[in-house]
Amino acid sequence: MADMESDAKIPLPLEPVRSNQLEDRRLWVGNLDLRINEYQLLKLVQKHGTIEKFDLLFHRSGPQAGQPRGYAFVTYKNSEDAEKAKDTLHNLKVGAKNIVVRWAHSVNESEMDKPKPKIDIPALAGAKKEDKKISRETAIQAIEAKLKLMNESEEEFELNKPLDGTPIIQQYQRPEIQKPSTSTRYHHNRGGRFQNNKPYTRSKPRR
């Protein structure tokens, strides 16, 4: 009877050991930067051991279809490799975020759904990428237009400096001289009259 009891007790711990082996080898990697693709994450995870299964989840339907959910499941062949990967990869900055690595069996569905509001940002960022392309084209056109204006303005300044420089100074200097002295106006006018009369008197005898 004792042998029968010992034989019956032997397989009982084996089943939970098998399940624990799977749980100890399967990791949940969350808070991923959505710019990271499957290949990049796979290369990062392979550094810590051989991988049995790798799943990076995506949205299958809705407006975010095709966008990553922000987390992945990684199953290593050895539990030791999984533990090393968990210790080294947890809180590691990958891209613009610090990734979170936990045992897959300890993660709740609510925690898996936490990255969903963050996924809205890259969905908008995907639209922003198209806007960025448009904005880049408009920016290039604006820069080209500015360069044309700069070139044209430089040519205008180079041409207009000798022409516009002296008359503008004279225009501003004349009223300053004319305002305080009223007598000089009559002198200038009188001098102008005599100077204007002289050529008329000379032209008459020539004809």
Foldseek 3Di string as FASTA:
>chain_A
DVVVVVVVVVVVVVVVVVVVFFLLFKKKKFQADQVDDPVNVVVVLPVLAAWDDKFFDADCDDLRHPGTLGMIMTGHPGSVSSVVCQVVQAQCDDPNGRMHMDRPVPDDPVNSNVCVVVSVVVSVVVVVVVVVVVVVVVVVVVVVVVVVVVVVVVVVCVVCCVPVVPVVVVVVVVVVVCVPDVVVVVVVVVVVVVVVVVVVVVVVVVD
